[in-house]
C-alpha atoms as a PDB file:
ATOM      1  CA  UNK A   1       0.484   0.071  -0.014  1.00  0.00           C
ATOM      2  CA  UNK A   2       2.882   2.336   0.971  1.00  0.00           C
ATOM      3  CA  UNK A   3       4.756   1.565  -2.227  1.00  0.00           C
ATOM      4  CA  UNK A   4       1.265   2.278  -4.097  1.00  0.00           C
ATOM      5  CA  UNK A   5       1.400   5.127  -2.561  1.00  0.00           C
ATOM      6  CA  UNK A   6       4.857   6.541  -3.464  1.00  0.00           C
ATOM      7  CA  UNK A   7       4.786   5.886  -6.834  1.00  0.00           C
ATOM      8  CA  UNK A   8       1.375   7.969  -7.073  1.00  0.00           C
ATOM      9  CA  UNK A   9       3.255  10.793  -5.126  1.00  0.00           C
ATOM     10  CA  UNK A  10       6.285  10.196  -7.572  1.00  0.00           C
ATOM     11  CA  UNK A  11       3.936  10.250 -10.589  1.00  0.00           C
ATOM     12  CA  UNK A  12       2.271  13.491  -9.474  1.00  0.00           C
ATOM     13  CA  UNK A  13       5.638  15.590  -8.889  1.00  0.00           C
ATOM     14  CA  UNK A  14       7.258  14.315 -12.475  1.00  0.00           C
ATOM     15  CA  UNK A  15       3.680  15.138 -14.144  1.00  0.00           C
ATOM     16  CA  UNK A  16       3.887  18.716 -12.186  1.00  0.00           C
ATOM     17  CA  UNK A  17       7.707  19.625 -12.899  1.00  0.00           C
ATOM     18  CA  UNK A  18       7.142  18.734 -16.351  1.00  0.00           C
ATOM     19  CA  UNK A  19       4.349  20.425 -17.581  1.00  0.00           C
ATOM     20  CA  UNK A  20       5.985  23.344 -15.573  1.00  0.00           C
ATOM     21  CA  UNK A  21       8.700  22.673 -18.250  1.00  0.00           C
ATOM     22  CA  UNK A  22       6.684  22.825 -20.977  1.00  0.00           C
ATOM     23  CA  UNK A  23       4.556  25.685 -20.023  1.00  0.00           C
ATOM     24  CA  UNK A  24       7.934  27.687 -19.240  1.00  0.00           C
ATOM     25  CA  UNK A  25       9.255  26.282 -22.542  1.00  0.00           C
ATOM     26  CA  UNK A  26       6.471  27.625 -24.245  1.00  0.00           C
ATOM     27  CA  UNK A  27       6.343  31.250 -22.474  1.00  0.00           C
ATOM     28  CA  UNK A  28      10.309  31.481 -23.355  1.00  0.00           C
ATOM     29  CA  UNK A  29       9.863  30.675 -27.114  1.00  0.00           C
ATOM     30  CA  UNK A  30       7.121  33.040 -27.818  1.00  0.00           C
ATOM     31  CA  UNK A  31       9.088  36.158 -26.273  1.00  0.00           C
ATOM     32  CA  UNK A  32      12.594  34.316 -26.987  1.00  0.00           C
ATOM     33  CA  UNK A  33      15.193  37.056 -28.868  1.00  0.00           C
ATOM     34  CA  UNK A  34      15.841  35.213 -31.610  1.00  0.00           C
ATOM     35  CA  UNK A  35      18.617  36.015 -33.864  1.00  0.00           C
ATOM     36  CA  UNK A  36      18.250  36.464 -37.923  1.00  0.00           C
ATOM     37  CA  UNK A  37      20.375  35.003 -40.389  1.00  0.00           C
ATOM     38  CA  UNK A  38      20.939  36.848 -43.482  1.00  0.00           C
ATOM     39  CA  UNK A  39      22.801  36.344 -46.825  1.00  0.00           C
ATOM     40  CA  UNK A  40      25.361  39.591 -47.572  1.00  0.00           C
ATOM     41  CA  UNK A  41      28.216  40.444 -49.258  1.00  0.00           C
ATOM     42  CA  UNK A  42      29.498  42.645 -46.470  1.00  0.00           C
ATOM     43  CA  UNK A  43      32.949  41.043 -46.012  1.00  0.00           C
ATOM     44  CA  UNK A  44      33.494  40.342 -49.757  1.00  0.00           C
ATOM     45  CA  UNK A  45      31.901  44.025 -51.420  1.00  0.00           C
ATOM     46  CA  UNK A  46      30.120  43.180 -55.068  1.00  0.00           C
ATOM     47  CA  UNK A  47      31.596  39.625 -54.475  1.00  0.00           C
ATOM     48  CA  UNK A  48      30.390  36.460 -52.443  1.00  0.00           C
ATOM     49  CA  UNK A  49      27.773  36.496 -50.323  1.00  0.00           C
ATOM     50  CA  UNK A  50      28.116  34.598 -46.534  1.00  0.00           C
ATOM     51  CA  UNK A  51      25.623  33.462 -44.130  1.00  0.00           C
ATOM     52  CA  UNK A  52      25.039  36.166 -41.165  1.00  0.00           C
ATOM     53  CA  UNK A  53      23.214  36.798 -38.108  1.00  0.00           C
ATOM     54  CA  UNK A  54      21.926  39.376 -36.086  1.00  0.00           C
ATOM     55  CA  UNK A  55      20.019  40.447 -33.352  1.00  0.00           C
ATOM     56  CA  UNK A  56      15.867  41.470 -34.326  1.00  0.00           C
ATOM     57  CA  UNK A  57      17.571  45.277 -33.552  1.00  0.00           C
ATOM     58  CA  UNK A  58      19.749  44.674 -36.055  1.00  0.00           C
ATOM     59  CA  UNK A  59      23.174  44.501 -33.578  1.00  0.00           C
ATOM     60  CA  UNK A  60      25.816  41.862 -32.960  1.00  0.00           C
ATOM     61  CA  UNK A  61      26.210  40.894 -36.898  1.00  0.00           C
ATOM     62  CA  UNK A  62      28.460  37.942 -37.842  1.00  0.00           C
ATOM     63  CA  UNK A  63      29.836  35.987 -39.821  1.00  0.00           C
ATOM     64  CA  UNK A  64      29.122  32.277 -39.733  1.00  0.00           C
ATOM     65  CA  UNK A  65      30.065  30.527 -43.315  1.00  0.00           C
ATOM     66  CA  UNK A  66      32.952  32.774 -44.135  1.00  0.00           C
ATOM     67  CA  UNK A  67      33.987  31.614 -47.381  1.00  0.00           C
ATOM     68  CA  UNK A  68      35.489  34.191 -49.706  1.00  0.00           C
ATOM     69  CA  UNK A  69      35.524  31.141 -52.725  1.00  0.00           C
ATOM     70  CA  UNK A  70      31.207  30.495 -52.258  1.00  0.00           C
ATOM     71  CA  UNK A  71      28.482  32.307 -52.922  1.00  0.00           C
ATOM     72  CA  UNK A  72      26.709  31.633 -49.454  1.00  0.00           C
ATOM     73  CA  UNK A  73      23.236  32.346 -49.660  1.00  0.00           C
ATOM     74  CA  UNK A  74      19.301  31.313 -48.254  1.00  0.00           C
ATOM     75  CA  UNK A  75      19.502  30.393 -44.754  1.00  0.00           C
ATOM     76  CA  UNK A  76      17.098  28.203 -43.333  1.00  0.00           C
ATOM     77  CA  UNK A  77      17.188  27.625 -39.327  1.00  0.00           C
ATOM     78  CA  UNK A  78      16.361  23.969 -38.396  1.00  0.00           C
ATOM     79  CA  UNK A  79      13.338  23.750 -35.886  1.00  0.00           C
ATOM     80  CA  UNK A  80      15.318  23.327 -32.826  1.00  0.00           C
ATOM     81  CA  UNK A  81      17.498  26.204 -33.755  1.00  0.00           C
ATOM     82  CA  UNK A  82      21.007  24.006 -33.332  1.00  0.00           C
ATOM     83  CA  UNK A  83      21.401  24.285 -37.606  1.00  0.00           C
ATOM     84  CA  UNK A  84      21.247  26.203 -40.444  1.00  0.00           C
ATOM     85  CA  UNK A  85      20.725  24.853 -44.025  1.00  0.00           C
ATOM     86  CA  UNK A  86      21.965  26.773 -46.881  1.00  0.00           C
ATOM     87  CA  UNK A  87      22.921  27.004 -50.530  1.00  0.00           C
ATOM     88  CA  UNK A  88      26.357  27.464 -51.625  1.00  0.00           C
ATOM     89  CA  UNK A  89      28.675  26.973 -54.357  1.00  0.00           C
ATOM     90  CA  UNK A  90      31.512  25.431 -52.795  1.00  0.00           C
ATOM     91  CA  UNK A  91      33.121  21.991 -54.103  1.00  0.00           C
ATOM     92  CA  UNK A  92      33.335  23.161 -57.648  1.00  0.00           C
ATOM     93  CA  UNK A  93      30.317  22.957 -59.140  1.00  0.00           C
ATOM     94  CA  UNK A  94      26.908  25.072 -59.016  1.00  0.00           C
ATOM     95  CA  UNK A  95      24.882  25.521 -55.949  1.00  0.00           C
ATOM     96  CA  UNK A  96      24.245  22.589 -53.878  1.00  0.00           C
ATOM     97  CA  UNK A  97      22.551  22.305 -50.168  1.00  0.00           C
ATOM     98  CA  UNK A  98      24.851  22.346 -47.395  1.00  0.00           C
ATOM     99  CA  UNK A  99      23.925  22.332 -43.372  1.00  0.00           C
ATOM    100  CA  UNK A 100      26.071  23.815 -40.611  1.00  0.00           C
ATOM    101  CA  UNK A 101      25.826  24.311 -37.020  1.00  0.00           C
ATOM    102  CA  UNK A 102      24.362  27.212 -35.521  1.00  0.00           C
ATOM    103  CA  UNK A 103      27.567  28.685 -34.985  1.00  0.00           C
ATOM    104  CA  UNK A 104      29.030  28.422 -38.379  1.00  0.00           C
ATOM    105  CA  UNK A 105      31.192  24.846 -37.769  1.00  0.00           C
ATOM    106  CA  UNK A 106      30.894  21.729 -39.429  1.00  0.00           C
ATOM    107  CA  UNK A 107      29.797  22.454 -42.709  1.00  0.00           C
ATOM    108  CA  UNK A 108      28.054  19.476 -44.578  1.00  0.00           C
ATOM    109  CA  UNK A 109      27.546  19.509 -48.267  1.00  0.00           C
ATOM    110  CA  UNK A 110      23.835  17.672 -48.783  1.00  0.00           C
ATOM    111  CA  UNK A 111      23.442  17.782 -52.458  1.00  0.00           C
ATOM    112  CA  UNK A 112      25.329  16.261 -55.919  1.00  0.00           C
ATOM    113  CA  UNK A 113      23.654  18.156 -58.738  1.00  0.00           C
ATOM    114  CA  UNK A 114      25.576  19.031 -61.763  1.00  0.00           C
ATOM    115  CA  UNK A 115      22.680  21.955 -62.708  1.00  0.00           C
ATOM    116  CA  UNK A 116      21.526  22.909 -59.137  1.00  0.00           C
ATOM    117  CA  UNK A 117      20.249  22.494 -55.478  1.00  0.00           C
ATOM    118  CA  UNK A 118      18.848  25.690 -53.830  1.00  0.00           C
ATOM    119  CA  UNK A 119      16.414  27.261 -51.059  1.00  0.00           C
ATOM    120  CA  UNK A 120      16.284  24.604 -48.204  1.00  0.00           C
ATOM    121  CA  UNK A 121      13.141  24.685 -46.199  1.00  0.00           C
ATOM    122  CA  UNK A 122      12.948  22.570 -42.462  1.00  0.00           C
ATOM    123  CA  UNK A 123      10.027  20.717 -42.034  1.00  0.00           C
ATOM    124  CA  UNK A 124       8.430  21.911 -38.458  1.00  0.00           C
ATOM    125  CA  UNK A 125       9.848  18.132 -36.969  1.00  0.00           C
ATOM    126  CA  UNK A 126      13.382  18.563 -38.012  1.00  0.00           C
ATOM    127  CA  UNK A 127      13.169  15.288 -39.677  1.00  0.00           C
ATOM    128  CA  UNK A 128      13.029  17.047 -43.899  1.00  0.00           C
ATOM    129  CA  UNK A 129      14.067  19.367 -45.511  1.00  0.00           C
ATOM    130  CA  UNK A 130      12.122  20.386 -48.707  1.00  0.00           C
ATOM    131  CA  UNK A 131      14.697  22.032 -51.565  1.00  0.00           C
ATOM    132  CA  UNK A 132      14.310  22.719 -55.094  1.00  0.00           C
ATOM    133  CA  UNK A 133      16.041  20.694 -57.793  1.00  0.00           C
ATOM    134  CA  UNK A 134      17.562  21.545 -60.970  1.00  0.00           C
ATOM    135  CA  UNK A 135      16.624  19.626 -64.023  1.00  0.00           C
ATOM    136  CA  UNK A 136      18.053  21.862 -66.850  1.00  0.00           C
ATOM    137  CA  UNK A 137      16.326  23.715 -69.596  1.00  0.00           C
ATOM    138  CA  UNK A 138      13.811  26.839 -69.115  1.00  0.00           C
ATOM    139  CA  UNK A 139      12.069  26.677 -66.081  1.00  0.00           C
ATOM    140  CA  UNK A 140      13.626  23.615 -64.884  1.00  0.00           C
ATOM    141  CA  UNK A 141      12.879  23.282 -61.380  1.00  0.00           C
ATOM    142  CA  UNK A 142      11.337  20.633 -59.265  1.00  0.00           C
ATOM    143  CA  UNK A 143      10.644  20.203 -54.966  1.00  0.00           C
ATOM    144  CA  UNK A 144      12.133  17.202 -53.528  1.00  0.00           C
ATOM    145  CA  UNK A 145      12.154  16.063 -49.705  1.00  0.00           C
ATOM    146  CA  UNK A 146      15.299  14.406 -48.289  1.00  0.00           C
ATOM    147  CA  UNK A 147      16.430  13.784 -44.693  1.00  0.00           C
ATOM    148  CA  UNK A 148      18.652  16.303 -42.764  1.00  0.00           C
ATOM    149  CA  UNK A 149      21.750  14.205 -43.980  1.00  0.00           C
ATOM    150  CA  UNK A 150      20.904  14.385 -47.271  1.00  0.00           C
ATOM    151  CA  UNK A 151      19.407  10.760 -47.922  1.00  0.00           C
ATOM    152  CA  UNK A 152      15.720   9.463 -48.504  1.00  0.00           C
ATOM    153  CA  UNK A 153      15.316  11.855 -51.212  1.00  0.00           C
ATOM    154  CA  UNK A 154      11.350  12.036 -52.505  1.00  0.00           C
ATOM    155  CA  UNK A 155      10.408  13.856 -55.452  1.00  0.00           C
ATOM    156  CA  UNK A 156       7.292  15.485 -55.792  1.00  0.00           C
ATOM    157  CA  UNK A 157       4.943  14.988 -58.299  1.00  0.00           C
ATOM    158  CA  UNK A 158       6.238  16.071 -61.171  1.00  0.00           C
ATOM    159  CA  UNK A 159       4.873  18.997 -63.089  1.00  0.00           C
ATOM    160  CA  UNK A 160       7.464  20.104 -65.801  1.00  0.00           C
ATOM    161  CA  UNK A 161       7.311  23.174 -64.803  1.00  0.00           C
ATOM    162  CA  UNK A 162       8.873  25.970 -62.090  1.00  0.00           C
ATOM    163  CA  UNK A 163       8.075  25.064 -58.417  1.00  0.00           C
ATOM    164  CA  UNK A 164      10.249  26.904 -55.854  1.00  0.00           C
ATOM    165  CA  UNK A 165      10.068  28.654 -52.667  1.00  0.00           C
ATOM    166  CA  UNK A 166       8.938  25.511 -50.628  1.00  0.00           C
ATOM    167  CA  UNK A 167       7.729  26.869 -47.241  1.00  0.00           C
ATOM    168  CA  UNK A 168       6.000  24.350 -44.569  1.00  0.00           C
ATOM    169  CA  UNK A 169       2.767  24.615 -42.381  1.00  0.00           C
ATOM    170  CA  UNK A 170       3.407  24.525 -38.816  1.00  0.00           C
ATOM    171  CA  UNK A 171       1.788  21.709 -38.320  1.00  0.00           C
ATOM    172  CA  UNK A 172       3.939  20.339 -41.224  1.00  0.00           C
ATOM    173  CA  UNK A 173       0.701  18.642 -43.617  1.00  0.00           C
ATOM    174  CA  UNK A 174       1.319  21.361 -46.079  1.00  0.00           C
ATOM    175  CA  UNK A 175       3.427  22.915 -48.246  1.00  0.00           C
ATOM    176  CA  UNK A 176       3.182  26.226 -50.240  1.00  0.00           C
ATOM    177  CA  UNK A 177       5.078  27.015 -53.045  1.00  0.00           C
ATOM    178  CA  UNK A 178       5.427  29.205 -56.306  1.00  0.00           C
ATOM    179  CA  UNK A 179       5.255  27.759 -59.431  1.00  0.00           C
ATOM    180  CA  UNK A 180       3.839  28.609 -63.473  1.00  0.00           C
ATOM    181  CA  UNK A 181       1.558  25.876 -63.374  1.00  0.00           C
ATOM    182  CA  UNK A 182      -1.313  28.226 -64.135  1.00  0.00           C
ATOM    183  CA  UNK A 183       0.513  28.962 -67.182  1.00  0.00           C
ATOM    184  CA  UNK A 184       3.717  30.292 -68.797  1.00  0.00           C
ATOM    185  CA  UNK A 185       5.514  32.215 -66.210  1.00  0.00           C
ATOM    186  CA  UNK A 186       2.532  33.271 -64.641  1.00  0.00           C
ATOM    187  CA  UNK A 187       4.045  32.893 -61.487  1.00  0.00           C
ATOM    188  CA  UNK A 188       1.066  31.965 -58.375  1.00  0.00           C
ATOM    189  CA  UNK A 189       1.421  30.860 -54.893  1.00  0.00           C
ATOM    190  CA  UNK A 190      -0.030  27.212 -54.379  1.00  0.00           C
ATOM    191  CA  UNK A 191      -0.408  24.624 -51.606  1.00  0.00           C
ATOM    192  CA  UNK A 192       0.119  20.519 -51.477  1.00  0.00           C
ATOM    193  CA  UNK A 193       0.118  18.263 -49.190  1.00  0.00           C
ATOM    194  CA  UNK A 194       3.593  17.587 -47.627  1.00  0.00           C
ATOM    195  CA  UNK A 195       4.203  13.984 -47.666  1.00  0.00           C
ATOM    196  CA  UNK A 196       3.526  14.282 -51.581  1.00  0.00           C
ATOM    197  CA  UNK A 197       0.942  11.528 -51.680  1.00  0.00           C
ATOM    198  CA  UNK A 198      -1.665  13.575 -53.035  1.00  0.00           C
ATOM    199  CA  UNK A 199      -0.692  14.892 -56.694  1.00  0.00           C
ATOM    200  CA  UNK A 200      -3.856  17.333 -55.942  1.00  0.00           C
ATOM    201  CA  UNK A 201      -2.398  20.891 -55.696  1.00  0.00           C
ATOM    202  CA  UNK A 202      -4.795  24.078 -54.986  1.00  0.00           C
ATOM    203  CA  UNK A 203      -4.361  27.394 -56.138  1.00  0.00           C
ATOM    204  CA  UNK A 204      -4.136  30.056 -53.552  1.00  0.00           C
ATOM    205  CA  UNK A 205      -3.489  33.500 -55.615  1.00  0.00           C
ATOM    206  CA  UNK A 206      -4.415  34.675 -59.041  1.00  0.00           C
ATOM    207  CA  UNK A 207      -3.024  37.497 -59.592  1.00  0.00           C
ATOM    208  CA  UNK A 208      -1.947  39.796 -62.878  1.00  0.00           C
ATOM    209  CA  UNK A 209       1.426  40.008 -61.429  1.00  0.00           C
ATOM    210  CA  UNK A 210       3.861  37.432 -59.848  1.00  0.00           C
ATOM    211  CA  UNK A 211       3.237  35.895 -56.557  1.00  0.00           C
ATOM    212  CA  UNK A 212       6.086  34.250 -54.595  1.00  0.00           C
ATOM    213  CA  UNK A 213       7.820  33.756 -51.781  1.00  0.00           C
ATOM    214  CA  UNK A 214       5.367  32.234 -49.524  1.00  0.00           C
ATOM    215  CA  UNK A 215       6.081  32.455 -45.796  1.00  0.00           C
ATOM    216  CA  UNK A 216       3.548  30.493 -43.105  1.00  0.00           C
ATOM    217  CA  UNK A 217       2.513  32.666 -40.290  1.00  0.00           C
ATOM    218  CA  UNK A 218       3.815  30.730 -36.689  1.00  0.00           C
ATOM    219  CA  UNK A 219      -0.230  30.305 -35.830  1.00  0.00           C
ATOM    220  CA  UNK A 220      -0.928  28.918 -39.784  1.00  0.00           C
ATOM    221  CA  UNK A 221      -3.663  31.335 -40.177  1.00  0.00           C
ATOM    222  CA  UNK A 222      -1.745  33.710 -41.915  1.00  0.00           C
ATOM    223  CA  UNK A 223       0.684  33.419 -45.464  1.00  0.00           C
ATOM    224  CA  UNK A 224       2.922  36.124 -46.213  1.00  0.00           C
ATOM    225  CA  UNK A 225       4.356  36.460 -49.693  1.00  0.00           C
ATOM    226  CA  UNK A 226       5.817  38.853 -52.231  1.00  0.00           C
ATOM    227  CA  UNK A 227       4.051  40.463 -55.405  1.00  0.00           C
ATOM    228  CA  UNK A 228       4.625  42.800 -58.222  1.00  0.00           C
ATOM    229  CA  UNK A 229       0.613  42.880 -58.968  1.00  0.00           C
ATOM    230  CA  UNK A 230       0.069  46.663 -58.008  1.00  0.00           C
ATOM    231  CA  UNK A 231       3.517  47.296 -60.563  1.00  0.00           C
ATOM    232  CA  UNK A 232       6.805  46.702 -57.778  1.00  0.00           C
ATOM    233  CA  UNK A 233       7.738  43.774 -55.591  1.00  0.00           C
ATOM    234  CA  UNK A 234       5.447  44.192 -51.940  1.00  0.00           C
ATOM    235  CA  UNK A 235       4.610  42.301 -48.982  1.00  0.00           C
ATOM    236  CA  UNK A 236       1.331  41.291 -48.843  1.00  0.00           C
ATOM    237  CA  UNK A 237      -0.264  38.570 -46.430  1.00  0.00           C
ATOM    238  CA  UNK A 238      -3.280  36.276 -46.874  1.00  0.00           C
ATOM    239  CA  UNK A 239      -5.348  33.613 -44.908  1.00  0.00           C
ATOM    240  CA  UNK A 240      -4.058  30.054 -45.268  1.00  0.00           C
ATOM    241  CA  UNK A 241      -6.703  29.801 -48.153  1.00  0.00           C
ATOM    242  CA  UNK A 242      -5.659  32.391 -50.001  1.00  0.00           C
ATOM    243  CA  UNK A 243      -8.466  34.748 -49.144  1.00  0.00           C
ATOM    244  CA  UNK A 244      -8.388  38.604 -47.440  1.00  0.00           C
ATOM    245  CA  UNK A 245      -5.005  39.122 -49.279  1.00  0.00           C
ATOM    246  CA  UNK A 246      -3.828  42.968 -47.856  1.00  0.00           C
ATOM    247  CA  UNK A 247      -0.550  45.011 -48.654  1.00  0.00           C
ATOM    248  CA  UNK A 248       1.510  45.278 -45.659  1.00  0.00           C
ATOM    249  CA  UNK A 249       4.283  47.558 -47.421  1.00  0.00           C
ATOM    250  CA  UNK A 250       3.644  50.836 -49.814  1.00  0.00           C
ATOM    251  CA  UNK A 251       6.598  52.232 -51.451  1.00  0.00           C
ATOM    252  CA  UNK A 252       8.044  52.345 -55.090  1.00  0.00           C
ATOM    253  CA  UNK A 253      11.056  50.474 -54.217  1.00  0.00           C
ATOM    254  CA  UNK A 254      10.580  47.183 -54.166  1.00  0.00           C
ATOM    255  CA  UNK A 255      10.463  44.734 -51.070  1.00  0.00           C
ATOM    256  CA  UNK A 256      10.348  41.150 -51.003  1.00  0.00           C
ATOM    257  CA  UNK A 257      11.073  37.833 -49.037  1.00  0.00           C
ATOM    258  CA  UNK A 258       9.298  37.942 -45.844  1.00  0.00           C
ATOM    259  CA  UNK A 259      10.085  35.987 -43.169  1.00  0.00           C
ATOM    260  CA  UNK A 260       7.508  35.855 -39.930  1.00  0.00           C
ATOM    261  CA  UNK A 261       9.091  36.516 -36.530  1.00  0.00           C
ATOM    262  CA  UNK A 262       8.604  33.277 -33.690  1.00  0.00           C
ATOM    263  CA  UNK A 263       5.788  34.756 -32.049  1.00  0.00           C
ATOM    264  CA  UNK A 264       4.353  35.937 -34.923  1.00  0.00           C
ATOM    265  CA  UNK A 265       3.856  39.920 -34.138  1.00  0.00           C
ATOM    266  CA  UNK A 266       6.904  40.697 -36.798  1.00  0.00           C
ATOM    267  CA  UNK A 267       8.121  40.259 -40.432  1.00  0.00           C
ATOM    268  CA  UNK A 268      11.365  40.320 -41.745  1.00  0.00           C
ATOM    269  CA  UNK A 269      11.607  41.367 -45.285  1.00  0.00           C
ATOM    270  CA  UNK A 270      14.474  42.465 -47.816  1.00  0.00           C
ATOM    271  CA  UNK A 271      13.895  46.116 -49.112  1.00  0.00           C
ATOM    272  CA  UNK A 272      15.921  48.348 -51.778  1.00  0.00           C
ATOM    273  CA  UNK A 273      13.962  51.450 -50.791  1.00  0.00           C
ATOM    274  CA  UNK A 274      17.018  53.157 -49.439  1.00  0.00           C
ATOM    275  CA  UNK A 275      18.965  52.408 -52.760  1.00  0.00           C
ATOM    276  CA  UNK A 276      20.579  49.173 -51.583  1.00  0.00           C
ATOM    277  CA  UNK A 277      19.371  45.891 -50.353  1.00  0.00           C
ATOM    278  CA  UNK A 278      18.792  46.210 -46.953  1.00  0.00           C
ATOM    279  CA  UNK A 279      16.907  43.671 -44.083  1.00  0.00           C
ATOM    280  CA  UNK A 280      13.763  45.886 -42.782  1.00  0.00           C
ATOM    281  CA  UNK A 281      11.566  44.625 -39.601  1.00  0.00           C
ATOM    282  CA  UNK A 282       7.900  45.615 -39.774  1.00  0.00           C
ATOM    283  CA  UNK A 283       4.603  44.879 -37.085  1.00  0.00           C
ATOM    284  CA  UNK A 284       2.452  42.068 -39.024  1.00  0.00           C
ATOM    285  CA  UNK A 285       0.083  44.768 -40.001  1.00  0.00           C
ATOM    286  CA  UNK A 286       2.973  46.137 -41.554  1.00  0.00           C
ATOM    287  CA  UNK A 287       3.598  49.248 -39.518  1.00  0.00           C
ATOM    288  CA  UNK A 288       6.445  51.105 -38.263  1.00  0.00           C
ATOM    289  CA  UNK A 289       9.144  50.018 -40.805  1.00  0.00           C
ATOM    290  CA  UNK A 290      12.969  49.783 -39.584  1.00  0.00           C
ATOM    291  CA  UNK A 291      15.936  49.116 -41.317  1.00  0.00           C
ATOM    292  CA  UNK A 292      18.293  46.709 -39.100  1.00  0.00           C
ATOM    293  CA  UNK A 293      21.486  46.528 -41.232  1.00  0.00           C
ATOM    294  CA  UNK A 294      21.889  50.106 -42.722  1.00  0.00           C
ATOM    295  CA  UNK A 295      25.182  48.627 -44.290  1.00  0.00           C
ATOM    296  CA  UNK A 296      26.354  49.735 -48.068  1.00  0.00           C
ATOM    297  CA  UNK A 297      26.353  45.967 -48.751  1.00  0.00           C
ATOM    298  CA  UNK A 298      23.598  43.569 -50.741  1.00  0.00           C
ATOM    299  CA  UNK A 299      21.685  42.352 -47.418  1.00  0.00           C
ATOM    300  CA  UNK A 300      19.373  39.543 -48.512  1.00  0.00           C
ATOM    301  CA  UNK A 301      16.913  36.641 -47.639  1.00  0.00           C
ATOM    302  CA  UNK A 302      15.942  37.261 -43.970  1.00  0.00           C
ATOM    303  CA  UNK A 303      15.388  34.064 -42.420  1.00  0.00           C
ATOM    304  CA  UNK A 304      13.790  33.719 -38.592  1.00  0.00           C
ATOM    305  CA  UNK A 305      13.775  30.662 -36.669  1.00  0.00           C
ATOM    306  CA  UNK A 306      10.577  29.062 -36.603  1.00  0.00           C
ATOM    307  CA  UNK A 307       8.412  28.527 -33.028  1.00  0.00           C
ATOM    308  CA  UNK A 308       8.373  24.475 -32.589  1.00  0.00           C
ATOM    309  CA  UNK A 309       5.643  25.178 -29.459  1.00  0.00           C
ATOM    310  CA  UNK A 310       3.470  28.260 -31.721  1.00  0.00           C
ATOM    311  CA  UNK A 311       0.857  26.211 -33.099  1.00  0.00           C
ATOM    312  CA  UNK A 312      -0.563  24.534 -30.451  1.00  0.00           C
ATOM    313  CA  UNK A 313       1.025  24.389 -26.628  1.00  0.00           C
ATOM    314  CA  UNK A 314      -2.396  22.125 -25.430  1.00  0.00           C
ATOM    315  CA  UNK A 315      -0.993  19.531 -28.321  1.00  0.00           C
ATOM    316  CA  UNK A 316       2.161  19.408 -26.723  1.00  0.00           C
ATOM    317  CA  UNK A 317       0.947  18.821 -22.821  1.00  0.00           C
ATOM    318  CA  UNK A 318      -1.211  16.675 -24.171  1.00  0.00           C
ATOM    319  CA  UNK A 319       1.584  14.367 -25.819  1.00  0.00           C
ATOM    320  CA  UNK A 320       3.562  15.101 -22.989  1.00  0.00           C
ATOM    321  CA  UNK A 321       0.533  13.649 -20.594  1.00  0.00           C
ATOM    322  CA  UNK A 322       0.566  10.447 -22.917  1.00  0.00           C
ATOM    323  CA  UNK A 323       4.225   9.718 -22.391  1.00  0.00           C
ATOM    324  CA  UNK A 324       4.333  10.214 -18.668  1.00  0.00           C
ATOM    325  CA  UNK A 325       1.117   7.851 -18.101  1.00  0.00           C
ATOM    326  CA  UNK A 326       2.361   5.006 -20.481  1.00  0.00           C
ATOM    327  CA  UNK A 327       5.476   5.340 -18.565  1.00  0.00           C
ATOM    328  CA  UNK A 328       4.381   5.351 -15.430  1.00  0.00           C
END
């Protein structure tokens, strides 16, 4: 009787501590002052790009990849924030996908393609990386999946067109992407099942301009994207089903490549509004745009790390409860 009571007390203590840990983790993840990764030629003016990181206020800029012989671009954080995938022209061939530690150490090449492999995007569970696979010819880009070590590659249903800019929904079930499936050189945003089993895709945008670079909000309800539908590149946001599109930026110069902050309250983007490409951040409604980089170099492709707990903290608690209960 005493042993059963002790087991019950131990079980409750472990559960209480674990739940407290998850709740604390949720709060920390939602308020964490995360580093923004981006690509810049500031250490090689007019030449090769490196992967940099900085604080969301533009301070503590640091060169991670630091390779003067390679264009290192398109950084993408792993969900646990310990690694960064990127594209690079190292090893004597066209851009390939690499991954390195978050401090820039231990870069590893994941792909090998005589054309190109670019624009990596991590799945929310960190088990897969989506990327663009070059097949040669006009518009020859297809979407592929692979493990974070480069193995087990999977090609999404063949389109024979131009599929690019993969972006995962926070629950890992969907991938938004850019394609001219609607017509030659008519770039629109589509969405499909992330596992690739269903060849059906859903068209989200339909405009006279180009709609590109989709980026899911952390809660999965919105998708930010770039479009020149009003004459020049601007940042827009729409519901995840493509409805209620709203223009966030209004400037005669181009704005591109939106990336949501982990808590969904800010959007980073690239802009040439100050005469050269810089990284800006604004509120999720387009308010208070602020130049973070303020540097004469080319600073582009901002990437905020994802928030793995932002979608459903309740689901995290339920999973934890089940795990503890099963182990009791």
